[in-house]
Amino acid sequence: MVTVSPWPFLASWGAFTLMTGAVMYMHRYSGGSFVLLYGFIFLLAVLIFWWRDVIREATFEGMHTEVVIKNLRIGFMLFILSEVMFFVSFFWAFFHSSLAPAIQIGGIWPPHGIAVFSPWGVPLLNTYLLLYSGITVTAAHYALLSGDFDSTWMGLFLTIFFGLIFTGVQGFEYYNASFTIADGIYGSVFYLATGFHGFHVIIGTIFLMVCFGRLNLGHFTKQHHVGFEAAIWYWHFVDVVWIFLFVSIYWWGSLGSL
């Protein structure tokens, strides 16, 4: 067993505070912005210290036995499953609104006055970027399994590069959008779904950056790199969600206006 840790409880408290602050801020309650900022900083600090302890247990204290590694993998799979259900809610809202448009938006989808993005421009470019990043991170994993650390380094570097470019391109897309999150149900669903996916890309990129740093420090071996495996699973999850976003929201959702 690994050392008993206070971080799970503190992380739950930080997440609760962050959620409460977000609700207070969006409803313009007094002190909402302070609670939101406090929850964010508190949760970020907890995660940093928690991951520090996990890295120390795995790399320097030898606590990550086969049983512990198996449990870590199962736990991370369950976490990804919870993330899948998180995005299911966004797709549910999108299809609920698009398959039977309400009379308040004219009974059409996209609603009248919304100039949607062409799927064959920036969205297609971002699709290529994420697909290529999935290839490079998989190549990096197989290179590590074969003991080729130079190829692992290059594959991981390219994956991080593609992730940063994706984030920049999506920021460019948002900057040039003709509608905002306040423009009815279409704006709400579009920015919540693509925005949270972009947030997950940022988190995944940071995850891979940490793995990149650990690779340079010699923390990973052919037999022991469960942290890198978790980052790869998370990145493939981000890839798959984007494919569904591209097909449903960008392509299918824009057919009525093309």
Protein backbone atom coordinates (compact mmCIF):
# COMPACT_ATOMS: atom_id res chain seq x y z
CA MET A 1 0.00 0.00 0.00
CA VAL A 2 1.14 3.54 -0.73
CA THR A 3 1.30 6.17 2.00
CA VAL A 4 -2.08 7.40 3.28
CA SER A 5 -2.70 10.76 1.64
CA PRO A 6 -4.90 13.76 2.50
CA TRP A 7 -4.98 14.92 -1.12
CA PRO A 8 -8.15 13.12 -2.31
CA PHE A 9 -10.24 14.82 0.40
CA LEU A 10 -8.63 18.21 -0.18
CA ALA A 11 -9.08 17.85 -3.95
CA SER A 12 -12.79 17.17 -3.41
CA TRP A 13 -13.05 20.27 -1.25
CA GLY A 14 -11.24 22.35 -3.87
CA ALA A 15 -13.49 21.08 -6.66
CA PHE A 16 -16.60 21.83 -4.58
CA THR A 17 -15.34 25.35 -3.82
CA LEU A 18 -14.49 25.93 -7.48
CA MET A 19 -17.97 24.80 -8.59
CA THR A 20 -19.67 26.92 -5.92
CA GLY A 21 -17.63 29.96 -6.90
CA ALA A 22 -18.43 29.46 -10.59
CA VAL A 23 -22.18 29.32 -9.87
CA MET A 24 -21.96 32.39 -7.62
CA TYR A 25 -19.97 34.29 -10.23
CA MET A 26 -22.34 33.45 -13.11
CA HIS A 27 -25.34 34.52 -11.01
CA ARG A 28 -23.49 37.67 -9.89
CA TYR A 29 -23.55 36.95 -6.17
CA SER A 30 -21.35 39.13 -4.00
CA GLY A 31 -17.95 37.51 -3.49
CA GLY A 32 -18.46 35.00 -6.28
CA SER A 33 -15.28 35.96 -8.11
CA PHE A 34 -13.25 35.60 -4.90
CA VAL A 35 -14.67 32.14 -4.14
CA LEU A 36 -14.04 31.10 -7.75
CA LEU A 37 -10.42 32.29 -7.66
CA TYR A 38 -9.83 30.74 -4.24
CA GLY A 39 -11.24 27.39 -5.38
CA PHE A 40 -9.11 27.42 -8.53
CA ILE A 41 -5.85 28.24 -6.71
CA PHE A 42 -6.60 25.78 -3.91
CA LEU A 43 -7.41 22.94 -6.31
CA LEU A 44 -4.36 23.68 -8.47
CA ALA A 45 -2.06 23.61 -5.42
CA VAL A 46 -3.56 20.33 -4.21
CA LEU A 47 -3.10 18.71 -7.62
CA ILE A 48 0.52 19.85 -7.85
CA PHE A 49 1.37 18.43 -4.42
CA TRP A 50 -0.62 15.25 -5.06
CA TRP A 51 1.12 14.53 -8.36
CA ARG A 52 4.47 15.33 -6.73
CA ASP A 53 3.80 12.63 -4.16
CA VAL A 54 2.72 10.12 -6.84
CA ILE A 55 5.92 10.75 -8.83
CA ARG A 56 8.04 10.38 -5.70
CA GLU A 57 6.30 7.13 -4.71
CA ALA A 58 6.72 5.71 -8.21
CA THR A 59 10.25 6.84 -9.04
CA PHE A 60 12.19 7.09 -5.80
CA GLU A 61 10.39 5.00 -3.17
CA GLY A 62 9.44 1.95 -5.25
CA MET A 63 5.87 1.82 -3.93
CA HIS A 64 4.24 1.26 -7.31
CA THR A 65 4.14 -2.52 -7.36
CA GLU A 66 2.20 -4.46 -9.99
CA VAL A 67 -0.92 -4.38 -7.82
CA VAL A 68 -0.66 -0.62 -7.30
CA ILE A 69 -0.06 -0.03 -11.02
CA LYS A 70 -3.09 -2.15 -11.88
CA ASN A 71 -5.26 -0.13 -9.52
CA LEU A 72 -3.89 3.13 -10.93
CA ARG A 73 -4.82 2.02 -14.44
CA ILE A 74 -8.32 1.01 -13.36
CA GLY A 75 -8.78 4.30 -11.55
CA PHE A 76 -7.67 6.30 -14.57
CA MET A 77 -9.98 4.31 -16.85
CA LEU A 78 -12.88 5.16 -14.54
CA PHE A 79 -11.83 8.81 -14.63
CA ILE A 80 -11.88 8.80 -18.44
CA LEU A 81 -15.31 7.12 -18.33
CA SER A 82 -16.57 9.97 -16.16
CA GLU A 83 -15.16 12.42 -18.70
CA VAL A 84 -17.00 10.56 -21.48
CA MET A 85 -20.28 11.02 -19.63
CA PHE A 86 -19.41 14.68 -19.13
CA PHE A 87 -19.25 15.20 -22.88
CA VAL A 88 -22.32 13.02 -23.46
CA SER A 89 -24.33 15.75 -21.73
CA PHE A 90 -23.13 18.31 -24.27
CA PHE A 91 -23.92 16.08 -27.23
CA TRP A 92 -27.31 15.32 -25.69
CA ALA A 93 -28.06 19.05 -25.44
CA PHE A 94 -26.90 19.60 -29.02
CA PHE A 95 -29.00 16.84 -30.59
CA HIS A 96 -32.00 17.65 -28.39
CA SER A 97 -31.93 21.23 -29.69
CA SER A 98 -31.02 20.48 -33.31
CA LEU A 99 -33.24 17.49 -34.09
CA ALA A 100 -36.37 19.24 -32.82
CA PRO A 101 -35.68 23.01 -32.94
CA ALA A 102 -37.98 24.99 -30.68
CA ILE A 103 -40.41 27.51 -32.12
CA GLN A 104 -38.58 30.25 -30.20
CA ILE A 105 -35.63 29.89 -32.59
CA GLY A 106 -37.81 29.64 -35.69
CA GLY A 107 -37.99 25.87 -35.83
CA ILE A 108 -34.77 25.65 -37.84
CA TRP A 109 -31.20 24.63 -37.09
CA PRO A 110 -28.87 26.46 -37.04
CA PRO A 111 -31.07 29.30 -35.75
CA HIS A 112 -31.68 32.23 -38.06
CA GLY A 113 -28.93 34.85 -37.84
CA ILE A 114 -26.16 32.45 -36.79
CA ALA A 115 -23.29 32.40 -39.29
CA VAL A 116 -21.77 29.00 -38.54
CA PHE A 117 -18.21 27.96 -39.30
CA SER A 118 -17.45 26.04 -42.45
CA PRO A 119 -16.22 22.60 -41.34
CA TRP A 120 -13.67 22.52 -44.17
CA GLY A 121 -11.55 25.39 -42.92
CA VAL A 122 -10.14 25.81 -39.43
CA PRO A 123 -12.07 22.83 -37.93
CA LEU A 124 -10.64 20.47 -40.55
CA LEU A 125 -7.13 21.81 -39.89
CA ASN A 126 -7.55 21.14 -36.18
CA THR A 127 -8.81 17.65 -36.98
CA TYR A 128 -5.61 16.92 -38.91
CA LEU A 129 -3.52 18.33 -36.05
CA LEU A 130 -5.15 16.09 -33.45
CA LEU A 131 -5.04 13.01 -35.66
CA TYR A 132 -1.34 13.54 -36.35
CA SER A 133 -0.73 14.10 -32.64
CA GLY A 134 -2.43 10.77 -31.91
CA ILE A 135 -0.05 9.09 -34.33
CA THR A 136 3.05 10.73 -32.87
CA VAL A 137 2.16 9.96 -29.24
CA THR A 138 1.47 6.32 -30.15
CA ALA A 139 4.80 6.15 -31.99
CA ALA A 140 6.50 7.61 -28.90
CA HIS A 141 4.94 4.91 -26.74
CA TYR A 142 6.07 2.08 -28.99
CA ALA A 143 9.54 3.61 -29.19
CA LEU A 144 9.72 3.64 -25.38
CA LEU A 145 8.63 0.00 -25.24
CA SER A 146 11.47 -0.87 -27.60
CA GLY A 147 14.01 1.16 -25.64
CA ASP A 148 14.48 3.83 -28.33
CA PHE A 149 14.48 6.92 -26.11
CA ASP A 150 15.53 9.30 -28.89
CA SER A 151 12.44 8.43 -30.95
CA THR A 152 10.33 8.65 -27.80
CA TRP A 153 11.68 12.15 -27.19
CA MET A 154 10.90 13.24 -30.75
CA GLY A 155 7.42 11.71 -30.82
CA LEU A 156 6.47 13.30 -27.51
CA PHE A 157 7.90 16.66 -28.59
CA LEU A 158 5.85 16.62 -31.81
CA THR A 159 2.69 15.69 -29.89
CA ILE A 160 3.13 18.66 -27.55
CA PHE A 161 3.83 20.90 -30.54
CA PHE A 162 0.62 19.79 -32.29
CA GLY A 163 -1.35 20.32 -29.08
CA LEU A 164 -0.07 23.88 -28.71
CA ILE A 165 -0.84 24.66 -32.35
CA PHE A 166 -4.36 23.24 -31.92
CA THR A 167 -4.99 25.54 -28.96
CA GLY A 168 -3.70 28.56 -30.87
CA VAL A 169 -5.83 27.76 -33.93
CA GLN A 170 -8.94 27.32 -31.79
CA GLY A 171 -8.25 30.66 -30.12
CA PHE A 172 -8.01 32.20 -33.60
CA GLU A 173 -11.36 30.59 -34.47
CA TYR A 174 -13.04 32.01 -31.38
CA TYR A 175 -11.58 35.45 -32.02
CA ASN A 176 -13.05 35.55 -35.52
CA ALA A 177 -16.44 34.02 -34.62
CA SER A 178 -19.52 36.04 -35.53
CA PHE A 179 -21.50 34.78 -32.52
CA THR A 180 -20.89 34.46 -28.79
CA ILE A 181 -21.88 32.10 -26.00
CA ALA A 182 -24.80 34.46 -25.25
CA ASP A 183 -26.34 34.03 -28.73
CA GLY A 184 -29.04 31.54 -27.84
CA ILE A 185 -28.89 27.79 -27.60
CA TYR A 186 -26.51 27.40 -30.54
CA GLY A 187 -23.88 29.69 -29.03
CA SER A 188 -24.25 28.05 -25.62
CA VAL A 189 -23.88 24.49 -26.89
CA PHE A 190 -21.10 25.34 -29.36
CA TYR A 191 -18.86 27.16 -26.89
CA LEU A 192 -19.51 24.80 -23.99
CA ALA A 193 -18.73 21.68 -26.05
CA THR A 194 -15.76 23.00 -28.03
CA GLY A 195 -14.53 25.18 -25.17
CA PHE A 196 -14.43 22.35 -22.64
CA HIS A 197 -12.74 20.18 -25.25
CA GLY A 198 -10.16 22.91 -25.76
CA PHE A 199 -9.68 23.04 -21.98
CA HIS A 200 -9.07 19.29 -22.00
CA VAL A 201 -6.52 19.74 -24.79
CA ILE A 202 -4.68 22.26 -22.60
CA ILE A 203 -4.76 19.86 -19.63
CA GLY A 204 -3.58 17.00 -21.86
CA THR A 205 -0.76 19.15 -23.25
CA ILE A 206 0.40 20.00 -19.71
CA PHE A 207 0.16 16.29 -18.84
CA LEU A 208 2.42 15.46 -21.79
CA MET A 209 4.81 18.29 -20.88
CA VAL A 210 5.23 16.79 -17.42
CA CYS A 211 5.92 13.41 -19.03
CA PHE A 212 8.41 15.09 -21.37
CA GLY A 213 10.25 16.53 -18.39
CA ARG A 214 10.22 13.19 -16.58
CA LEU A 215 11.52 11.46 -19.73
CA ASN A 216 14.46 13.87 -19.80
CA LEU A 217 15.10 13.15 -16.10
CA GLY A 218 15.19 9.41 -16.76
CA HIS A 219 12.05 8.56 -14.78
CA PHE A 220 10.63 6.20 -17.44
CA THR A 221 11.82 2.73 -18.40
CA LYS A 222 10.52 0.12 -20.80
CA GLN A 223 8.83 -1.71 -17.95
CA HIS A 224 7.72 1.20 -15.76
CA HIS A 225 5.97 4.22 -17.31
CA VAL A 226 2.38 4.12 -16.10
CA GLY A 227 2.25 7.93 -15.92
CA PHE A 228 3.12 8.15 -19.60
CA GLU A 229 0.48 5.52 -20.40
CA ALA A 230 -2.15 7.56 -18.57
CA ALA A 231 -1.20 10.67 -20.55
CA ILE A 232 -1.50 8.71 -23.81
CA TRP A 233 -4.95 7.37 -22.88
CA TYR A 234 -6.09 10.87 -22.00
CA TRP A 235 -4.78 12.26 -25.29
CA HIS A 236 -6.53 9.57 -27.33
CA PHE A 237 -9.74 10.38 -25.44
CA VAL A 238 -9.32 14.02 -26.50
CA ASP A 239 -8.79 12.90 -30.11
CA VAL A 240 -11.95 10.77 -30.18
CA VAL A 241 -14.11 13.48 -28.62
CA TRP A 242 -12.90 15.96 -31.23
CA ILE A 243 -13.87 13.61 -34.07
CA PHE A 244 -17.41 13.44 -32.67
CA LEU A 245 -17.44 17.23 -32.28
CA PHE A 246 -16.27 17.76 -35.84
CA VAL A 247 -18.79 15.35 -37.36
CA SER A 248 -21.78 16.43 -35.30
CA ILE A 249 -21.43 20.12 -34.47
CA TYR A 250 -19.19 21.40 -37.27
CA TRP A 251 -20.29 19.24 -40.20
CA TRP A 252 -23.77 17.85 -39.58
CA GLY A 253 -24.86 20.86 -37.53
CA SER A 254 -23.97 23.27 -40.33
CA LEU A 255 -25.72 21.44 -43.20
CA GLY A 256 -28.85 23.57 -42.90
CA SER A 257 -26.89 26.77 -43.51
CA LEU A 258 -24.59 25.59 -46.30
